[in-house]
Amino acid sequence: MSAETTEQIRRHLVGLKMPRALEALQTTLSRIEQGEFSALQAIESLLGEEYSTRESRRIKMALQTARLTTVNSARESMFWPRLGSDARCA
């Protein structure tokens, strides 16, 4: 692939704000040159990289904003007071 085309692809990825696809571009181009990838496989690979990164980031942010309580490990739960047999739940 020509250097001009590669540079144009880089500019497009920057303009589209696709940093993970930009990081994977050189590896993908190498795989095309070695005959490991077709053009469609390369597109799928770049889009897949970007999608999985964005989805992971979205899930991470959703969990942080949900303010879910953390699950205590068995060791941490040893420090919680235990209810005796005479304790009643209301």
PDB file of N, CA and C in Angstrom:
ATOM      1  N   MET A   1       0.853  -1.169   0.000  1.00  0.00           N
ATOM      2  CA  MET A   1       0.000   0.000   0.000  1.00  0.00           C
ATOM      3  C   MET A   1       0.900   1.233   0.000  1.00  0.00           C
ATOM      4  N   SER A   2       0.508   2.233  -0.777  1.00  0.00           N
ATOM      5  CA  SER A   2       1.366   3.413  -0.893  1.00  0.00           C
ATOM      6  C   SER A   2       1.371   4.228   0.396  1.00  0.00           C
ATOM      7  N   ALA A   3       2.430   4.987   0.561  1.00  0.00           N
ATOM      8  CA  ALA A   3       2.585   5.817   1.761  1.00  0.00           C
ATOM      9  C   ALA A   3       1.504   6.890   1.822  1.00  0.00           C
ATOM     10  N   GLU A   4       1.096   7.411   0.653  1.00  0.00           N
ATOM     11  CA  GLU A   4       0.048   8.437   0.617  1.00  0.00           C
ATOM     12  C   GLU A   4      -1.279   7.876   1.117  1.00  0.00           C
ATOM     13  N   THR A   5      -1.604   6.687   0.663  1.00  0.00           N
ATOM     14  CA  THR A   5      -2.858   6.045   1.076  1.00  0.00           C
ATOM     15  C   THR A   5      -2.840   5.748   2.569  1.00  0.00           C
ATOM     16  N   THR A   6      -1.727   5.240   3.055  1.00  0.00           N
ATOM     17  CA  THR A   6      -1.599   4.935   4.476  1.00  0.00           C
ATOM     18  C   THR A   6      -1.756   6.203   5.310  1.00  0.00           C
ATOM     19  N   GLU A   7      -1.134   7.287   4.871  1.00  0.00           N
ATOM     20  CA  GLU A   7      -1.240   8.554   5.598  1.00  0.00           C
ATOM     21  C   GLU A   7      -2.678   9.077   5.575  1.00  0.00           C
ATOM     22  N   GLN A   8      -3.353   8.899   4.466  1.00  0.00           N
ATOM     23  CA  GLN A   8      -4.744   9.339   4.367  1.00  0.00           C
ATOM     24  C   GLN A   8      -5.635   8.524   5.314  1.00  0.00           C
ATOM     25  N   ILE A   9      -5.383   7.231   5.394  1.00  0.00           N
ATOM     26  CA  ILE A   9      -6.133   6.376   6.329  1.00  0.00           C
ATOM     27  C   ILE A   9      -5.881   6.837   7.760  1.00  0.00           C
ATOM     28  N   ARG A  10      -4.630   7.140   8.081  1.00  0.00           N
ATOM     29  CA  ARG A  10      -4.300   7.637   9.420  1.00  0.00           C
ATOM     30  C   ARG A  10      -5.071   8.919   9.745  1.00  0.00           C
ATOM     31  N   ARG A  11      -5.107   9.842   8.784  1.00  0.00           N
ATOM     32  CA  ARG A  11      -5.830  11.096   9.003  1.00  0.00           C
ATOM     33  C   ARG A  11      -7.319  10.844   9.221  1.00  0.00           C
ATOM     34  N   HIS A  12      -7.865   9.916   8.456  1.00  0.00           N
ATOM     35  CA  HIS A  12      -9.283   9.582   8.626  1.00  0.00           C
ATOM     36  C   HIS A  12      -9.548   9.001  10.012  1.00  0.00           C
ATOM     37  N   LEU A  13      -8.689   8.111  10.463  1.00  0.00           N
ATOM     38  CA  LEU A  13      -8.869   7.510  11.783  1.00  0.00           C
ATOM     39  C   LEU A  13      -8.750   8.547  12.890  1.00  0.00           C
ATOM     40  N   VAL A  14      -7.834   9.494  12.734  1.00  0.00           N
ATOM     41  CA  VAL A  14      -7.703  10.580  13.712  1.00  0.00           C
ATOM     42  C   VAL A  14      -8.957  11.447  13.680  1.00  0.00           C
ATOM     43  N   GLY A  15      -9.418  11.803  12.483  1.00  0.00           N
ATOM     44  CA  GLY A  15     -10.607  12.629  12.345  1.00  0.00           C
ATOM     45  C   GLY A  15     -11.858  11.963  12.901  1.00  0.00           C
ATOM     46  N   LEU A  16     -11.931  10.652  12.769  1.00  0.00           N
ATOM     47  CA  LEU A  16     -13.070   9.902  13.293  1.00  0.00           C
ATOM     48  C   LEU A  16     -12.909   9.552  14.766  1.00  0.00           C
ATOM     49  N   LYS A  17     -11.803   9.968  15.353  1.00  0.00           N
ATOM     50  CA  LYS A  17     -11.503   9.686  16.763  1.00  0.00           C
ATOM     51  C   LYS A  17     -11.531   8.185  17.039  1.00  0.00           C
ATOM     52  N   MET A  18     -10.675   7.470  16.319  1.00  0.00           N
ATOM     53  CA  MET A  18     -10.566   6.019  16.456  1.00  0.00           C
ATOM     54  C   MET A  18      -9.130   5.649  16.838  1.00  0.00           C
ATOM     55  N   PRO A  19      -8.714   5.971  18.075  1.00  0.00           N
ATOM     56  CA  PRO A  19      -7.314   5.776  18.455  1.00  0.00           C
ATOM     57  C   PRO A  19      -6.872   4.318  18.467  1.00  0.00           C
ATOM     58  N   ARG A  20      -7.734   3.401  18.881  1.00  0.00           N
ATOM     59  CA  ARG A  20      -7.322   1.990  18.938  1.00  0.00           C
ATOM     60  C   ARG A  20      -7.123   1.437  17.531  1.00  0.00           C
ATOM     61  N   ALA A  21      -7.985   1.822  16.600  1.00  0.00           N
ATOM     62  CA  ALA A  21      -7.817   1.389  15.213  1.00  0.00           C
ATOM     63  C   ALA A  21      -6.527   1.967  14.635  1.00  0.00           C
ATOM     64  N   LEU A  22      -6.208   3.197  15.025  1.00  0.00           N
ATOM     65  CA  LEU A  22      -4.966   3.821  14.570  1.00  0.00           C
ATOM     66  C   LEU A  22      -3.757   3.050  15.081  1.00  0.00           C
ATOM     67  N   GLU A  23      -3.813   2.612  16.340  1.00  0.00           N
ATOM     68  CA  GLU A  23      -2.720   1.815  16.909  1.00  0.00           C
ATOM     69  C   GLU A  23      -2.563   0.482  16.178  1.00  0.00           C
ATOM     70  N   ALA A  24      -3.665  -0.119  15.770  1.00  0.00           N
ATOM     71  CA  ALA A  24      -3.636  -1.438  15.128  1.00  0.00           C
ATOM     72  C   ALA A  24      -3.389  -1.361  13.628  1.00  0.00           C
ATOM     73  N   LEU A  25      -3.361  -0.167  13.061  1.00  0.00           N
ATOM     74  CA  LEU A  25      -3.245  -0.017  11.610  1.00  0.00           C
ATOM     75  C   LEU A  25      -1.978  -0.639  11.046  1.00  0.00           C
ATOM     76  N   GLN A  26      -0.839  -0.350  11.622  1.00  0.00           N
ATOM     77  CA  GLN A  26       0.418  -0.851  11.062  1.00  0.00           C
ATOM     78  C   GLN A  26       0.473  -2.375  11.072  1.00  0.00           C
ATOM     79  N   THR A  27       0.026  -2.980  12.161  1.00  0.00           N
ATOM     80  CA  THR A  27      -0.004  -4.443  12.241  1.00  0.00           C
ATOM     81  C   THR A  27      -0.941  -5.015  11.189  1.00  0.00           C
ATOM     82  N   THR A  28      -2.081  -4.378  11.016  1.00  0.00           N
ATOM     83  CA  THR A  28      -3.058  -4.841  10.029  1.00  0.00           C
ATOM     84  C   THR A  28      -2.505  -4.724   8.618  1.00  0.00           C
ATOM     85  N   LEU A  29      -1.839  -3.605   8.319  1.00  0.00           N
ATOM     86  CA  LEU A  29      -1.243  -3.430   6.995  1.00  0.00           C
ATOM     87  C   LEU A  29      -0.161  -4.476   6.734  1.00  0.00           C
ATOM     88  N   SER A  30       0.615  -4.802   7.751  1.00  0.00           N
ATOM     89  CA  SER A  30       1.647  -5.834   7.603  1.00  0.00           C
ATOM     90  C   SER A  30       1.020  -7.189   7.284  1.00  0.00           C
ATOM     91  N   ARG A  31      -0.091  -7.486   7.933  1.00  0.00           N
ATOM     92  CA  ARG A  31      -0.770  -8.755   7.701  1.00  0.00           C
ATOM     93  C   ARG A  31      -1.368  -8.812   6.303  1.00  0.00           C
ATOM     94  N   ILE A  32      -1.815  -7.663   5.771  1.00  0.00           N
ATOM     95  CA  ILE A  32      -2.311  -7.624   4.396  1.00  0.00           C
ATOM     96  C   ILE A  32      -1.172  -7.912   3.427  1.00  0.00           C
ATOM     97  N   GLU A  33      -0.034  -7.257   3.647  1.00  0.00           N
ATOM     98  CA  GLU A  33       1.125  -7.436   2.770  1.00  0.00           C
ATOM     99  C   GLU A  33       1.642  -8.870   2.786  1.00  0.00           C
ATOM    100  N   GLN A  34       1.519  -9.547   3.932  1.00  0.00           N
ATOM    101  CA  GLN A  34       1.969 -10.932   4.039  1.00  0.00           C
ATOM    102  C   GLN A  34       0.929 -11.912   3.505  1.00  0.00           C
ATOM    103  N   GLY A  35      -0.222 -11.409   3.119  1.00  0.00           N
ATOM    104  CA  GLY A  35      -1.269 -12.257   2.578  1.00  0.00           C
ATOM    105  C   GLY A  35      -2.122 -12.942   3.627  1.00  0.00           C
ATOM    106  N   GLU A  36      -1.996 -12.542   4.882  1.00  0.00           N
ATOM    107  CA  GLU A  36      -2.776 -13.148   5.955  1.00  0.00           C
ATOM    108  C   GLU A  36      -4.196 -12.590   6.022  1.00  0.00           C
ATOM    109  N   PHE A  37      -4.381 -11.345   5.556  1.00  0.00           N
ATOM    110  CA  PHE A  37      -5.677 -10.672   5.617  1.00  0.00           C
ATOM    111  C   PHE A  37      -6.101 -10.231   4.232  1.00  0.00           C
ATOM    112  N   SER A  38      -7.403 -10.323   3.960  1.00  0.00           N
ATOM    113  CA  SER A  38      -7.961  -9.674   2.780  1.00  0.00           C
ATOM    114  C   SER A  38      -8.353  -8.255   3.199  1.00  0.00           C
ATOM    115  N   ALA A  39      -8.782  -7.468   2.247  1.00  0.00           N
ATOM    116  CA  ALA A  39      -9.185  -6.091   2.563  1.00  0.00           C
ATOM    117  C   ALA A  39     -10.364  -6.079   3.536  1.00  0.00           C
ATOM    118  N   LEU A  40     -11.339  -6.946   3.312  1.00  0.00           N
ATOM    119  CA  LEU A  40     -12.501  -6.995   4.201  1.00  0.00           C
ATOM    120  C   LEU A  40     -12.118  -7.452   5.607  1.00  0.00           C
ATOM    121  N   GLN A  41     -11.217  -8.406   5.706  1.00  0.00           N
ATOM    122  CA  GLN A  41     -10.760  -8.858   7.019  1.00  0.00           C
ATOM    123  C   GLN A  41     -10.028  -7.738   7.745  1.00  0.00           C
ATOM    124  N   ALA A  42      -9.282  -6.931   7.002  1.00  0.00           N
ATOM    125  CA  ALA A  42      -8.557  -5.812   7.602  1.00  0.00           C
ATOM    126  C   ALA A  42      -9.529  -4.772   8.144  1.00  0.00           C
ATOM    127  N   ILE A  43     -10.563  -4.465   7.362  1.00  0.00           N
ATOM    128  CA  ILE A  43     -11.563  -3.504   7.826  1.00  0.00           C
ATOM    129  C   ILE A  43     -12.245  -4.036   9.076  1.00  0.00           C
ATOM    130  N   GLU A  44     -12.630  -5.297   9.039  1.00  0.00           N
ATOM    131  CA  GLU A  44     -13.295  -5.903  10.200  1.00  0.00           C
ATOM    132  C   GLU A  44     -12.385  -5.882  11.416  1.00  0.00           C
ATOM    133  N   SER A  45     -11.114  -6.145  11.223  1.00  0.00           N
ATOM    134  CA  SER A  45     -10.162  -6.158  12.329  1.00  0.00           C
ATOM    135  C   SER A  45     -10.029  -4.770  12.959  1.00  0.00           C
ATOM    136  N   LEU A  46      -9.863  -3.750  12.133  1.00  0.00           N
ATOM    137  CA  LEU A  46      -9.714  -2.386  12.654  1.00  0.00           C
ATOM    138  C   LEU A  46     -10.981  -1.923  13.364  1.00  0.00           C
ATOM    139  N   LEU A  47     -12.126  -2.168  12.750  1.00  0.00           N
ATOM    140  CA  LEU A  47     -13.385  -1.756  13.386  1.00  0.00           C
ATOM    141  C   LEU A  47     -13.644  -2.560  14.654  1.00  0.00           C
ATOM    142  N   GLY A  48     -13.300  -3.837  14.632  1.00  0.00           N
ATOM    143  CA  GLY A  48     -13.478  -4.683  15.812  1.00  0.00           C
ATOM    144  C   GLY A  48     -12.623  -4.232  16.977  1.00  0.00           C
ATOM    145  N   GLU A  49     -11.388  -3.857  16.706  1.00  0.00           N
ATOM    146  CA  GLU A  49     -10.497  -3.343  17.750  1.00  0.00           C
ATOM    147  C   GLU A  49     -11.089  -2.096  18.385  1.00  0.00           C
ATOM    148  N   GLU A  50     -11.540  -1.180  17.545  1.00  0.00           N
ATOM    149  CA  GLU A  50     -12.100   0.070  18.050  1.00  0.00           C
ATOM    150  C   GLU A  50     -13.386  -0.191  18.831  1.00  0.00           C
ATOM    151  N   TYR A  51     -14.235  -1.037  18.296  1.00  0.00           N
ATOM    152  CA  TYR A  51     -15.507  -1.329  18.957  1.00  0.00           C
ATOM    153  C   TYR A  51     -15.291  -1.961  20.331  1.00  0.00           C
ATOM    154  N   SER A  52     -14.407  -2.955  20.408  1.00  0.00           N
ATOM    155  CA  SER A  52     -14.195  -3.630  21.691  1.00  0.00           C
ATOM    156  C   SER A  52     -13.594  -2.681  22.727  1.00  0.00           C
ATOM    157  N   THR A  53     -12.713  -1.792  22.294  1.00  0.00           N
ATOM    158  CA  THR A  53     -12.138  -0.814  23.216  1.00  0.00           C
ATOM    159  C   THR A  53     -13.206   0.144  23.731  1.00  0.00           C
ATOM    160  N   ARG A  54     -14.045   0.635  22.825  1.00  0.00           N
ATOM    161  CA  ARG A  54     -15.106   1.565  23.233  1.00  0.00           C
ATOM    162  C   ARG A  54     -16.125   0.874  24.139  1.00  0.00           C
ATOM    163  N   GLU A  55     -16.465  -0.362  23.815  1.00  0.00           N
ATOM    164  CA  GLU A  55     -17.448  -1.091  24.619  1.00  0.00           C
ATOM    165  C   GLU A  55     -16.905  -1.349  26.028  1.00  0.00           C
ATOM    166  N   SER A  56     -15.638  -1.717  26.122  1.00  0.00           N
ATOM    167  CA  SER A  56     -15.026  -1.922  27.437  1.00  0.00           C
ATOM    168  C   SER A  56     -15.030  -0.635  28.250  1.00  0.00           C
ATOM    169  N   ARG A  57     -14.690   0.462  27.598  1.00  0.00           N
ATOM    170  CA  ARG A  57     -14.679   1.756  28.270  1.00  0.00           C
ATOM    171  C   ARG A  57     -16.093   2.148  28.720  1.00  0.00           C
ATOM    172  N   ARG A  58     -17.093   1.874  27.869  1.00  0.00           N
ATOM    173  CA  ARG A  58     -18.478   2.199  28.204  1.00  0.00           C
ATOM    174  C   ARG A  58     -18.948   1.410  29.423  1.00  0.00           C
ATOM    175  N   ILE A  59     -18.622   0.125  29.452  1.00  0.00           N
ATOM    176  CA  ILE A  59     -19.027  -0.715  30.583  1.00  0.00           C
ATOM    177  C   ILE A  59     -18.328  -0.260  31.861  1.00  0.00           C
ATOM    178  N   LYS A  60     -17.055   0.050  31.753  1.00  0.00           N
ATOM    179  CA  LYS A  60     -16.300   0.519  32.922  1.00  0.00           C
ATOM    180  C   LYS A  60     -16.917   1.790  33.484  1.00  0.00           C
ATOM    181  N   MET A  61     -17.256   2.736  32.618  1.00  0.00           N
ATOM    182  CA  MET A  61     -17.856   3.983  33.074  1.00  0.00           C
ATOM    183  C   MET A  61     -19.246   3.745  33.650  1.00  0.00           C
ATOM    184  N   ALA A  62     -20.010   2.841  33.057  1.00  0.00           N
ATOM    185  CA  ALA A  62     -21.349   2.549  33.576  1.00  0.00           C
ATOM    186  C   ALA A  62     -21.266   1.957  34.977  1.00  0.00           C
ATOM    187  N   LEU A  63     -20.296   1.086  35.205  1.00  0.00           N
ATOM    188  CA  LEU A  63     -20.124   0.498  36.528  1.00  0.00           C
ATOM    189  C   LEU A  63     -19.678   1.546  37.545  1.00  0.00           C
ATOM    190  N   GLN A  64     -18.817   2.453  37.121  1.00  0.00           N
ATOM    191  CA  GLN A  64     -18.361   3.500  38.028  1.00  0.00           C
ATOM    192  C   GLN A  64     -19.485   4.464  38.383  1.00  0.00           C
ATOM    193  N   THR A  65     -20.291   4.823  37.409  1.00  0.00           N
ATOM    194  CA  THR A  65     -21.364   5.775  37.682  1.00  0.00           C
ATOM    195  C   THR A  65     -22.542   5.131  38.402  1.00  0.00           C
ATOM    196  N   ALA A  66     -22.661   3.807  38.334  1.00  0.00           N
ATOM    197  CA  ALA A  66     -23.746   3.123  39.033  1.00  0.00           C
ATOM    198  C   ALA A  66     -23.507   3.098  40.535  1.00  0.00           C
ATOM    199  N   ARG A  67     -22.269   3.274  40.931  1.00  0.00           N
ATOM    200  CA  ARG A  67     -21.878   3.268  42.349  1.00  0.00           C
ATOM    201  C   ARG A  67     -22.342   2.003  43.052  1.00  0.00           C
ATOM    202  N   LEU A  68     -22.102   0.898  42.395  1.00  0.00           N
ATOM    203  CA  LEU A  68     -22.446  -0.387  42.997  1.00  0.00           C
ATOM    204  C   LEU A  68     -21.499  -0.667  44.144  1.00  0.00           C
ATOM    205  N   THR A  69     -22.021  -1.307  45.174  1.00  0.00           N
ATOM    206  CA  THR A  69     -21.150  -1.683  46.277  1.00  0.00           C
ATOM    207  C   THR A  69     -20.321  -2.881  45.855  1.00  0.00           C
ATOM    208  N   THR A  70     -19.158  -2.969  46.400  1.00  0.00           N
ATOM    209  CA  THR A  70     -18.299  -4.089  46.057  1.00  0.00           C
ATOM    210  C   THR A  70     -18.692  -5.307  46.875  1.00  0.00           C
ATOM    211  N   VAL A  71     -18.453  -6.453  46.319  1.00  0.00           N
ATOM    212  CA  VAL A  71     -18.736  -7.703  47.018  1.00  0.00           C
ATOM    213  C   VAL A  71     -17.542  -8.007  47.914  1.00  0.00           C
ATOM    214  N   ASN A  72     -17.816  -8.285  49.176  1.00  0.00           N
ATOM    215  CA  ASN A  72     -16.742  -8.586  50.118  1.00  0.00           C
ATOM    216  C   ASN A  72     -16.221  -9.997  49.884  1.00  0.00           C
ATOM    217  N   SER A  73     -14.939 -10.123  50.047  1.00  0.00           N
ATOM    218  CA  SER A  73     -14.355 -11.454  49.958  1.00  0.00           C
ATOM    219  C   SER A  73     -14.632 -12.193  51.266  1.00  0.00           C
ATOM    220  N   ALA A  74     -14.348 -13.467  51.290  1.00  0.00           N
ATOM    221  CA  ALA A  74     -14.579 -14.267  52.492  1.00  0.00           C
ATOM    222  C   ALA A  74     -13.753 -13.723  53.658  1.00  0.00           C
ATOM    223  N   ARG A  75     -12.550 -13.272  53.379  1.00  0.00           N
ATOM    224  CA  ARG A  75     -11.681 -12.740  54.433  1.00  0.00           C
ATOM    225  C   ARG A  75     -12.271 -11.459  55.024  1.00  0.00           C
ATOM    226  N   GLU A  76     -12.791 -10.567  54.156  1.00  0.00           N
ATOM    227  CA  GLU A  76     -13.372  -9.326  54.641  1.00  0.00           C
ATOM    228  C   GLU A  76     -14.637  -9.583  55.438  1.00  0.00           C
ATOM    229  N   SER A  77     -15.398 -10.593  55.054  1.00  0.00           N
ATOM    230  CA  SER A  77     -16.662 -10.849  55.737  1.00  0.00           C
ATOM    231  C   SER A  77     -16.447 -11.418  57.138  1.00  0.00           C
ATOM    232  N   MET A  78     -15.238 -11.879  57.453  1.00  0.00           N
ATOM    233  CA  MET A  78     -14.959 -12.400  58.793  1.00  0.00           C
ATOM    234  C   MET A  78     -15.033 -11.279  59.835  1.00  0.00           C
ATOM    235  N   PHE A  79     -14.856 -10.041  59.403  1.00  0.00           N
ATOM    236  CA  PHE A  79     -14.845  -8.936  60.329  1.00  0.00           C
ATOM    237  C   PHE A  79     -16.229  -8.341  60.573  1.00  0.00           C
ATOM    238  N   TRP A  80     -17.219  -8.790  59.833  1.00  0.00           N
ATOM    239  CA  TRP A  80     -18.580  -8.325  60.056  1.00  0.00           C
ATOM    240  C   TRP A  80     -19.143  -9.033  61.276  1.00  0.00           C
ATOM    241  N   PRO A  81     -19.911  -8.343  62.109  1.00  0.00           N
ATOM    242  CA  PRO A  81     -20.496  -9.004  63.277  1.00  0.00           C
ATOM    243  C   PRO A  81     -21.495 -10.077  62.839  1.00  0.00           C
ATOM    244  N   ARG A  82     -21.482 -11.169  63.524  1.00  0.00           N
ATOM    245  CA  ARG A  82     -22.405 -12.258  63.205  1.00  0.00           C
ATOM    246  C   ARG A  82     -23.641 -12.142  64.056  1.00  0.00           C
ATOM    247  N   LEU A  83     -24.752 -12.529  63.486  1.00  0.00           N
ATOM    248  CA  LEU A  83     -25.991 -12.515  64.225  1.00  0.00           C
ATOM    249  C   LEU A  83     -26.063 -13.815  65.038  1.00  0.00           C
ATOM    250  N   GLY A  84     -26.427 -13.668  66.291  1.00  0.00           N
ATOM    251  CA  GLY A  84     -26.573 -14.849  67.134  1.00  0.00           C
ATOM    252  C   GLY A  84     -27.888 -15.579  66.841  1.00  0.00           C
ATOM    253  N   SER A  85     -28.071 -16.716  67.427  1.00  0.00           N
ATOM    254  CA  SER A  85     -29.280 -17.481  67.183  1.00  0.00           C
ATOM    255  C   SER A  85     -30.518 -16.794  67.746  1.00  0.00           C
ATOM    256  N   ASP A  86     -30.308 -15.879  68.695  1.00  0.00           N
ATOM    257  CA  ASP A  86     -31.454 -15.192  69.285  1.00  0.00           C
ATOM    258  C   ASP A  86     -31.800 -13.886  68.555  1.00  0.00           C
ATOM    259  N   ALA A  87     -31.008 -13.518  67.557  1.00  0.00           N
ATOM    260  CA  ALA A  87     -31.292 -12.298  66.805  1.00  0.00           C
ATOM    261  C   ALA A  87     -32.498 -12.528  65.913  1.00  0.00           C
ATOM    262  N   ARG A  88     -33.349 -11.552  65.850  1.00  0.00           N
ATOM    263  CA  ARG A  88     -34.559 -11.678  65.034  1.00  0.00           C
ATOM    264  C   ARG A  88     -34.519 -10.627  63.924  1.00  0.00           C
ATOM    265  N   CYS A  89     -34.940 -11.043  62.768  1.00  0.00           N
ATOM    266  CA  CYS A  89     -35.038 -10.101  61.639  1.00  0.00           C
ATOM    267  C   CYS A  89     -36.459  -9.562  61.608  1.00  0.00           C
ATOM    268  N   ALA A  90     -36.572  -8.292  61.401  1.00  0.00           N
ATOM    269  CA  ALA A  90     -37.905  -7.668  61.388  1.00  0.00           C
ATOM    270  C   ALA A  90     -38.554  -7.818  60.038  1.00  0.00           C
TER     271      ALA A  90
END
